[in-house]
Protein backbone atom coordinates (compact mmCIF):
# COMPACT_ATOMS: atom_id res chain seq x y z
CA MET A 1 0.06 -0.11 0.05
CA ARG A 2 1.38 3.39 -0.87
CA ALA A 3 0.46 6.56 1.03
CA ILE A 4 -1.52 9.37 -0.59
CA GLY A 5 1.11 11.88 -1.50
CA LEU A 6 1.21 15.46 -0.97
CA VAL A 7 4.33 17.75 -1.13
CA SER A 8 5.88 18.02 2.06
CA VAL A 9 6.38 21.78 1.88
CA THR A 10 2.96 22.21 1.12
CA LEU A 11 1.88 20.20 4.09
CA ALA A 12 4.33 22.16 6.18
CA THR A 13 2.84 25.64 5.33
CA LEU A 14 -0.49 24.58 5.79
CA ALA A 15 -0.25 22.67 8.97
CA LEU A 16 1.27 25.61 10.33
CA GLY A 17 -1.38 28.02 9.77
CA ALA A 18 -1.77 28.96 6.25
CA THR A 19 -5.43 29.19 4.93
CA ASN A 20 -5.33 27.12 1.39
CA ALA A 21 -6.40 24.10 -0.14
CA ALA A 22 -3.96 21.17 -1.20
CA ALA A 23 -4.75 18.39 -4.01
CA ALA A 24 -2.92 15.24 -3.64
CA ASP A 25 -1.87 12.78 -6.11
CA SER A 26 -4.66 10.47 -7.53
CA TYR A 27 -4.72 7.18 -5.94
CA CYS A 28 -6.16 3.96 -7.38
CA ALA A 29 -7.29 1.11 -4.91
CA THR A 30 -7.88 -2.22 -5.94
CA TYR A 31 -9.43 -4.97 -3.63
CA SER A 32 -10.44 -8.89 -4.43
CA ASP A 33 -12.17 -11.03 -2.48
CA GLN A 34 -13.46 -14.64 -2.96
CA LYS A 35 -15.28 -16.14 0.12
CA GLY A 36 -16.05 -19.82 0.36
CA GLY A 37 -17.73 -19.95 -3.12
CA SER A 38 -16.69 -19.81 -6.62
CA GLU A 39 -17.89 -16.02 -7.06
CA LYS A 40 -14.86 -13.54 -6.96
CA TYR A 41 -15.52 -9.95 -5.90
CA ASN A 42 -13.40 -7.32 -7.46
CA ILE A 43 -13.46 -3.63 -6.92
CA SER A 44 -11.23 -0.68 -7.84
CA PHE A 45 -11.56 2.91 -7.84
CA THR A 46 -9.52 6.09 -7.95
CA ILE A 47 -9.88 9.22 -5.14
CA THR A 48 -8.20 12.51 -5.65
CA PRO A 49 -8.35 14.12 -2.19
CA THR A 50 -8.47 17.68 -1.95
CA VAL A 51 -8.40 18.94 1.82
CA THR A 52 -8.64 22.76 3.19
CA PHE A 53 -6.64 23.80 5.76
CA ALA A 54 -6.89 27.13 7.97
CA GLY A 55 -5.26 27.82 11.38
CA GLY A 56 -3.12 24.70 10.87
CA LYS A 57 -6.28 22.03 10.92
CA ALA A 58 -7.82 20.36 8.16
CA THR A 59 -11.53 22.23 7.76
CA LYS A 60 -12.97 20.37 4.82
CA ALA A 61 -11.78 17.22 2.77
CA THR A 62 -13.29 15.89 -0.34
CA LEU A 63 -12.01 12.41 -1.86
CA ASN A 64 -13.41 12.91 -5.26
CA TRP A 65 -14.03 9.33 -6.10
CA SER A 66 -13.67 8.33 -9.92
CA ASP A 67 -13.36 5.39 -12.30
CA ILE A 68 -15.03 2.73 -10.15
CA GLN A 69 -14.78 -0.72 -11.58
CA GLY A 70 -15.63 -4.20 -10.76
CA SER A 71 -17.98 -6.92 -10.43
CA ALA A 72 -21.49 -5.84 -10.22
CA LEU A 73 -22.38 -6.40 -6.64
CA ALA A 74 -19.28 -4.76 -5.43
CA LYS A 75 -19.54 -1.80 -8.08
CA GLY A 76 -22.90 -1.05 -6.84
CA ALA A 77 -22.08 -0.62 -3.15
CA VAL A 78 -19.09 1.40 -3.72
CA TRP A 79 -20.69 3.22 -6.59
CA SER A 80 -23.60 4.42 -4.24
CA ALA A 81 -21.20 5.24 -1.28
CA ALA A 82 -18.86 7.42 -3.76
CA THR A 83 -22.01 9.16 -5.53
CA LEU A 84 -23.00 10.14 -2.00
CA ASP A 85 -19.79 11.40 -0.92
CA ASN A 86 -18.90 13.34 -4.10
CA ASN A 87 -22.47 14.83 -4.03
CA VAL A 88 -23.14 15.60 -0.37
CA GLY A 89 -19.89 14.81 1.39
CA VAL A 90 -21.07 11.85 3.50
CA PHE A 91 -17.35 11.02 4.59
CA GLU A 92 -16.03 14.40 5.03
CA GLY A 93 -16.35 14.76 8.60
CA THR A 94 -14.58 11.67 9.28
CA THR A 95 -11.68 12.34 6.78
CA VAL A 96 -11.40 15.79 8.36
CA GLU A 97 -11.20 14.19 11.79
CA GLN A 98 -8.63 11.59 10.72
CA ILE A 99 -6.46 14.34 9.02
CA ASN A 100 -6.26 16.33 12.42
CA ALA A 101 -5.53 13.40 14.56
CA PHE A 102 -2.57 12.57 12.12
CA PHE A 103 -1.15 15.87 12.61
CA GLY A 104 -2.17 15.83 16.25
CA PRO A 105 -2.02 13.20 18.97
CA ARG A 106 -0.97 10.33 16.61
CA CYS A 107 1.89 11.83 14.88
CA ASP A 108 3.71 14.39 17.18
CA GLU A 109 6.99 13.24 15.36
CA VAL A 110 5.71 14.58 11.96
CA LYS A 111 4.97 17.99 13.16
CA ASP A 112 8.46 18.15 14.15
CA GLU A 113 9.86 17.42 10.87
CA LEU A 114 7.36 19.69 9.39
CA GLY A 115 9.02 22.83 10.92
CA LYS A 116 12.43 22.05 9.43
């Protein structure tokens, strides 16, 4: 698994107080599962996250889902969730919380590196 990339200088500027949006590289995720039967469930999708920071904290985050491919059952479930998220932002609150937790209590060593 590869991390979703943002330029570290951009992250440092945003995390230290600038107000601006940062767009990450597109990331393609692929998953395959075969549970006890002969049918295999495959799914792949691309996200291109954009995060808005203000005062050193994420205030808005969109995942920007696209290119959803897979078996009918898997694609139907992911497509529904992705469409809701792209249009209403159902995952925005959780995504913002996780970004702020990453820059806060869960990763203080990253904060030290950002100030350099």
